Amino acid sequence: MNRRAFLGTAAAGVLSAAQASPFPIIDTHIHLFDPTRPQGVPWPSKDDKLLYQPALPDRYRKIAEPLGITGAIAVECSPLFEDNQWVLDVAAKNSIMVGMVGNLEPGKPEFGVQLAKLHRNPLSLGIRYGNLWGRDLSVEIRKPVFVAGLKALADTGLVLDTANQTPELLAAALRVTDLVPNLRIVIDHLPQFSPAADANVRELGKRPQVYVKISEVLRRVDGRVPTDLSFYRPKLDELFGIFGEDRLLFGSDWPNSDNWAPYPQVFGIVHEYFTAKGPAIAEKYFRKNSIAAYRWTSRS
């Protein structure tokens, strides 16, 4: 069987399983951008032949809906404040989008005004801050003005996402839970990290306000990407053991996930793993936990 035939067969198997699911599925991590805009986009770069094309809800819907996915949360991938509004405007026109995690800097003088503007939009669910665009949470968390910004974020009921994980970023996230204990935090892409080697991950597992996205699960090993669950099971078991059934979320990282495999295979790994745990746990991972973390509301 050639690779194209194999991928088609795998996708068909996932589709069959998804159609039997008694609950809708929410993808908590996709990116929206359009390189054809007159102003272009900060990311991805023009040199990225795989990703440098419009990533918009209609394209996502065609990929995701056949798999039983009925809603998605866009995570802003631009550092420009005005691009937050662009994503919100795009999301507002597409009912599959249940919300957006924006991109703001809590330590900036304009943060309060920007946060208030985003908060007025019911599709705004939170902001992301971490190892992106030259920012460093471990440095900023030492500044009182930054902590004050996070407290203001918590007061709105919005959430803080962090990416991309390093020991320093995880230590900083743990520090945030001490300084702003009423702020919900979502740790993005933790499967790319080795939690057993980091005591901070296990300590974060004890903090009930911390959620984890099981996103960026796939790996490239010796030039290929394994598509067998057995390869990924030890890491998934480890994260499930630390954070439990109530604080893990499904996130695909589409279209960035295309760097590893087509969407059905990215979805198929976690679908196989969590459905094997029974419908109650699967529904938590694929839908209920995302409501607890992001407090999104259905648009249907």
Protein backbone atom coordinates (compact mmCIF):
# COMPACT_ATOMS: atom_id res chain seq x y z
CA MET A 1 0.00 0.00 0.00
CA ASN A 2 1.47 3.38 -0.97
CA ARG A 3 1.52 6.35 1.43
CA ARG A 4 -1.47 8.12 -0.14
CA ALA A 5 -3.62 4.97 0.06
CA PHE A 6 -2.52 4.38 3.65
CA LEU A 7 -3.44 7.91 4.75
CA GLY A 8 -6.80 7.61 3.05
CA THR A 9 -7.52 4.34 4.84
CA ALA A 10 -6.48 5.81 8.19
CA ALA A 11 -8.68 8.85 7.66
CA ALA A 12 -11.65 6.65 6.83
CA GLY A 13 -11.15 4.73 10.08
CA VAL A 14 -11.11 7.94 12.12
CA LEU A 15 -14.21 9.21 10.31
CA SER A 16 -16.12 6.04 11.09
CA ALA A 17 -15.25 6.31 14.78
CA ALA A 18 -16.03 10.03 14.96
CA GLN A 19 -19.48 9.55 13.42
CA ALA A 20 -20.37 7.21 16.28
CA SER A 21 -19.40 9.81 18.91
CA PRO A 22 -22.41 10.88 21.01
CA PHE A 23 -20.94 14.35 21.67
CA PRO A 24 -19.58 17.25 19.58
CA ILE A 25 -15.83 17.85 19.52
CA ILE A 26 -14.07 21.20 20.10
CA ASP A 27 -10.59 21.94 18.76
CA THR A 28 -9.04 24.44 21.19
CA HIS A 29 -6.03 25.41 19.09
CA ILE A 30 -6.08 26.47 15.46
CA HIS A 31 -4.53 29.48 13.73
CA LEU A 32 -6.24 31.84 11.30
CA PHE A 33 -4.31 34.03 8.86
CA ASP A 34 -4.43 35.21 5.27
CA PRO A 35 -1.14 35.97 3.45
CA THR A 36 -3.13 37.53 0.59
CA ARG A 37 -4.11 40.53 2.74
CA PRO A 38 -2.52 43.77 1.44
CA GLN A 39 -0.51 44.10 4.68
CA GLY A 40 0.57 40.46 4.60
CA VAL A 41 1.15 38.43 7.78
CA PRO A 42 3.98 38.29 10.35
CA TRP A 43 3.74 34.48 10.30
CA PRO A 44 4.17 32.19 8.43
CA SER A 45 7.00 33.44 6.23
CA LYS A 46 6.84 33.52 2.45
CA ASP A 47 9.55 30.86 2.40
CA ASP A 48 7.25 28.37 4.12
CA LYS A 49 5.72 26.70 1.07
CA LEU A 50 3.54 24.39 3.19
CA LEU A 51 1.90 27.00 5.44
CA TYR A 52 2.02 30.19 3.37
CA GLN A 53 -1.55 30.04 2.10
CA PRO A 54 -4.86 31.28 3.55
CA ALA A 55 -5.85 29.42 6.72
CA LEU A 56 -9.48 30.44 7.15
CA PRO A 57 -12.59 28.87 8.74
CA ASP A 58 -14.08 27.58 5.49
CA ARG A 59 -10.93 25.61 4.71
CA TYR A 60 -10.76 24.31 8.29
CA ARG A 61 -14.43 23.33 8.30
CA LYS A 62 -13.98 21.06 5.27
CA ILE A 63 -11.19 19.21 7.05
CA ALA A 64 -12.65 19.07 10.56
CA GLU A 65 -16.40 18.59 10.25
CA PRO A 66 -16.16 15.12 8.63
CA LEU A 67 -14.29 14.03 11.77
CA GLY A 68 -17.08 15.11 14.12
CA ILE A 69 -15.52 18.48 15.06
CA THR A 70 -18.16 21.17 15.47
CA GLY A 71 -16.23 24.08 16.98
CA ALA A 72 -12.78 25.62 17.21
CA ILE A 73 -10.86 28.27 19.13
CA ALA A 74 -8.42 30.44 17.18
CA VAL A 75 -5.13 31.25 18.90
CA GLU A 76 -3.70 34.47 17.51
CA CYS A 77 -0.36 34.01 15.75
CA SER A 78 0.46 37.68 15.12
CA PRO A 79 2.03 40.14 17.59
CA LEU A 80 0.08 43.05 16.07
CA PHE A 81 -2.78 44.32 18.24
CA GLU A 82 -4.95 45.16 15.24
CA ASP A 83 -4.73 41.53 14.06
CA ASN A 84 -6.70 40.48 17.14
CA GLN A 85 -9.65 42.36 15.71
CA TRP A 86 -9.08 40.83 12.28
CA VAL A 87 -9.36 37.32 13.78
CA LEU A 88 -12.46 38.31 15.76
CA ASP A 89 -14.10 39.70 12.63
CA VAL A 90 -13.33 36.53 10.68
CA ALA A 91 -14.56 34.35 13.54
CA ALA A 92 -17.78 36.32 13.90
CA LYS A 93 -18.77 35.40 10.34
CA ASN A 94 -18.17 31.67 10.83
CA SER A 95 -20.23 29.78 13.39
CA ILE A 96 -17.69 26.96 13.70
CA MET A 97 -15.48 29.45 15.58
CA VAL A 98 -16.46 29.55 19.26
CA GLY A 99 -13.75 31.97 20.37
CA MET A 100 -10.28 33.48 20.13
CA VAL A 101 -7.22 33.66 22.35
CA GLY A 102 -5.64 37.02 21.59
CA ASN A 103 -2.12 38.37 21.70
CA LEU A 104 -1.48 41.19 24.21
CA GLU A 105 1.42 42.24 26.45
CA PRO A 106 0.30 42.67 30.07
CA GLY A 107 3.28 44.87 30.99
CA LYS A 108 2.60 47.55 28.38
CA PRO A 109 1.00 50.91 29.31
CA GLU A 110 -1.77 50.35 26.77
CA PHE A 111 -2.65 46.89 28.08
CA GLY A 112 -5.63 47.99 30.16
CA VAL A 113 -7.32 49.75 27.26
CA GLN A 114 -6.57 46.91 24.85
CA LEU A 115 -7.83 44.30 27.28
CA ALA A 116 -11.07 46.21 27.85
CA LYS A 117 -11.62 46.43 24.10
CA LEU A 118 -11.12 42.70 23.59
CA HIS A 119 -13.17 41.79 26.62
CA ARG A 120 -16.20 43.56 25.18
CA ASN A 121 -16.29 40.95 22.41
CA PRO A 122 -17.94 37.70 23.61
CA LEU A 123 -15.65 35.69 21.34
CA SER A 124 -12.57 36.86 23.29
CA LEU A 125 -11.58 34.07 25.65
CA GLY A 126 -8.09 35.05 26.77
CA ILE A 127 -4.56 35.97 25.70
CA ARG A 128 -1.37 34.04 24.99
CA TYR A 129 2.05 34.92 26.36
CA GLY A 130 5.25 32.89 26.32
CA ASN A 131 8.27 32.14 24.18
CA LEU A 132 6.92 33.95 21.14
CA TRP A 133 7.93 37.16 19.37
CA GLY A 134 11.00 37.57 21.59
CA ARG A 135 8.95 37.65 24.79
CA ASP A 136 9.99 35.94 28.01
CA LEU A 137 7.46 35.25 30.74
CA SER A 138 10.22 34.30 33.19
CA VAL A 139 11.63 37.83 32.91
CA GLU A 140 8.35 39.74 32.80
CA ILE A 141 6.83 37.98 35.81
CA ARG A 142 9.41 39.76 37.99
CA LYS A 143 7.90 43.15 37.12
CA PRO A 144 5.04 44.45 39.30
CA VAL A 145 3.34 46.14 36.34
CA PHE A 146 3.23 42.84 34.47
CA VAL A 147 1.76 41.02 37.46
CA ALA A 148 -0.83 43.80 37.77
CA GLY A 149 -1.77 43.16 34.13
CA LEU A 150 -2.24 39.46 34.82
CA LYS A 151 -4.43 40.30 37.81
CA ALA A 152 -6.55 42.51 35.57
CA LEU A 153 -6.80 39.62 33.10
CA ALA A 154 -7.95 37.30 35.88
CA ASP A 155 -10.53 39.84 37.02
CA THR A 156 -12.14 39.73 33.57
CA GLY A 157 -12.50 35.94 33.79
CA LEU A 158 -10.31 35.45 30.72
CA VAL A 159 -7.56 32.82 30.49
CA LEU A 160 -3.78 32.88 29.94
CA ASP A 161 -2.25 30.50 27.37
CA THR A 162 1.50 29.86 27.39
CA ALA A 163 3.75 28.55 24.59
CA ASN A 164 6.25 27.25 23.57
CA GLN A 165 7.36 25.14 26.51
CA THR A 166 10.82 25.27 28.09
CA PRO A 167 11.86 24.58 31.70
CA GLU A 168 12.04 28.34 32.26
CA LEU A 169 8.56 28.97 30.88
CA LEU A 170 7.04 26.19 32.96
CA ALA A 171 8.72 27.55 36.09
CA ALA A 172 7.33 30.99 35.23
CA ALA A 173 3.82 29.56 34.76
CA LEU A 174 4.07 27.97 38.18
CA ARG A 175 5.11 31.34 39.60
CA VAL A 176 2.04 32.91 38.00
CA THR A 177 -0.20 30.46 39.83
CA ASP A 178 1.29 31.70 43.10
CA LEU A 179 1.06 35.40 42.27
CA VAL A 180 -2.37 35.31 40.56
CA PRO A 181 -4.10 32.20 41.94
CA ASN A 182 -7.50 33.07 40.42
CA LEU A 183 -6.10 33.15 36.86
CA ARG A 184 -6.84 30.08 34.74
CA ILE A 185 -3.79 28.97 32.74
CA VAL A 186 -3.63 26.72 29.69
CA ILE A 187 -0.25 25.13 28.92
CA ASP A 188 0.00 24.76 25.14
CA HIS A 189 1.83 21.95 23.33
CA LEU A 190 3.10 20.17 26.45
CA PRO A 191 3.56 16.80 24.67
CA GLN A 192 6.58 18.37 22.93
CA PHE A 193 8.22 18.63 26.36
CA SER A 194 9.43 15.84 28.66
CA PRO A 195 7.39 16.34 31.83
CA ALA A 196 9.04 13.55 33.80
CA ALA A 197 12.27 15.54 33.74
CA ASP A 198 10.69 18.68 35.19
CA ALA A 199 9.42 18.94 38.76
CA ASN A 200 7.50 22.10 37.83
CA VAL A 201 5.20 20.08 35.55
CA ARG A 202 4.26 17.80 38.40
CA GLU A 203 3.70 20.78 40.67
CA LEU A 204 1.50 22.41 38.00
CA GLY A 205 -0.47 19.17 38.02
CA LYS A 206 -1.46 19.97 41.61
CA ARG A 207 -2.88 23.38 40.68
CA PRO A 208 -6.57 23.03 39.75
CA GLN A 209 -6.58 26.24 37.70
CA VAL A 210 -4.02 24.83 35.23
CA TYR A 211 -5.14 23.03 32.05
CA VAL A 212 -2.99 21.33 29.41
CA LYS A 213 -3.47 21.05 25.66
CA ILE A 214 -2.60 17.65 24.26
CA SER A 215 -1.40 19.34 21.07
CA GLU A 216 1.72 18.91 18.92
CA VAL A 217 1.76 15.24 19.87
CA LEU A 218 3.43 13.92 16.72
CA ARG A 219 7.21 13.70 16.30
CA ARG A 220 9.64 13.37 13.45
CA VAL A 221 12.09 10.57 14.15
CA ASP A 222 14.90 9.75 11.73
CA GLY A 223 13.12 11.62 8.97
CA ARG A 224 9.69 10.05 9.43
CA VAL A 225 6.62 10.65 11.58
CA PRO A 226 5.29 7.56 13.39
CA THR A 227 1.51 7.21 13.08
CA ASP A 228 1.07 4.34 15.53
CA LEU A 229 -0.41 5.20 18.92
CA SER A 230 2.00 2.84 20.66
CA PHE A 231 4.85 5.26 19.93
CA TYR A 232 3.06 8.14 21.70
CA ARG A 233 1.26 6.24 24.44
CA PRO A 234 4.00 6.55 27.14
CA LYS A 235 3.97 10.36 26.92
CA LEU A 236 0.16 10.53 26.85
CA ASP A 237 -0.03 8.16 29.83
CA GLU A 238 2.42 10.37 31.69
CA LEU A 239 0.42 13.55 31.10
CA PHE A 240 -2.86 11.83 31.92
CA GLY A 241 -1.33 10.61 35.17
CA ILE A 242 -0.18 14.12 36.14
CA PHE A 243 -3.21 16.20 35.13
CA GLY A 244 -6.04 13.68 35.16
CA GLU A 245 -9.21 13.45 33.14
CA ASP A 246 -10.58 16.90 34.02
CA ARG A 247 -7.81 19.20 32.78
CA LEU A 248 -6.65 17.90 29.40
CA LEU A 249 -7.86 19.56 26.18
CA PHE A 250 -7.86 18.63 22.50
CA GLY A 251 -5.93 21.03 20.27
CA SER A 252 -4.73 20.29 16.76
CA ASP A 253 -2.44 23.30 16.13
CA TRP A 254 -3.82 23.43 12.57
CA PRO A 255 -2.43 24.32 10.06
CA ASN A 256 0.97 24.18 11.76
CA SER A 257 0.17 20.51 12.41
CA ASP A 258 0.56 19.88 8.67
CA ASN A 259 4.32 19.95 9.30
CA TRP A 260 3.90 16.50 10.89
CA ALA A 261 0.89 14.89 9.24
CA PRO A 262 -2.50 15.64 7.65
CA TYR A 263 -5.23 16.63 10.09
CA PRO A 264 -6.98 13.20 10.19
CA GLN A 265 -3.79 11.53 11.40
CA VAL A 266 -3.11 14.25 13.99
CA PHE A 267 -6.67 13.81 15.25
CA GLY A 268 -6.58 10.03 14.95
CA ILE A 269 -3.79 9.51 17.48
CA VAL A 270 -5.59 11.30 20.32
CA HIS A 271 -9.01 10.03 19.22
CA GLU A 272 -7.84 6.45 19.54
CA TYR A 273 -6.17 7.11 22.90
CA PHE A 274 -9.03 8.92 24.62
CA THR A 275 -11.97 6.95 23.22
CA ALA A 276 -10.34 3.82 24.62
CA LYS A 277 -10.82 5.33 28.08
CA GLY A 278 -14.59 5.34 27.64
CA PRO A 279 -17.15 7.92 26.48
CA ALA A 280 -17.22 9.91 29.73
CA ILE A 281 -13.48 10.64 29.72
CA ALA A 282 -13.42 11.14 25.96
CA GLU A 283 -16.18 13.75 26.18
CA LYS A 284 -14.25 15.62 28.86
CA TYR A 285 -11.13 15.73 26.70
CA PHE A 286 -12.88 16.62 23.47
CA ARG A 287 -15.47 19.10 24.82
CA LYS A 288 -16.30 19.51 28.51
CA ASN A 289 -12.83 20.46 29.73
CA SER A 290 -12.59 23.17 27.09
CA ILE A 291 -15.74 24.78 28.51
CA ALA A 292 -14.25 24.74 32.01
CA ALA A 293 -10.96 26.22 30.79
CA TYR A 294 -12.20 28.81 28.29
CA ARG A 295 -15.86 29.32 29.24
CA TRP A 296 -16.86 29.49 25.59
CA THR A 297 -20.52 29.36 24.63
CA SER A 298 -22.11 27.53 21.73
CA ARG A 299 -23.14 29.60 18.70
CA SER A 300 -25.49 27.00 17.22
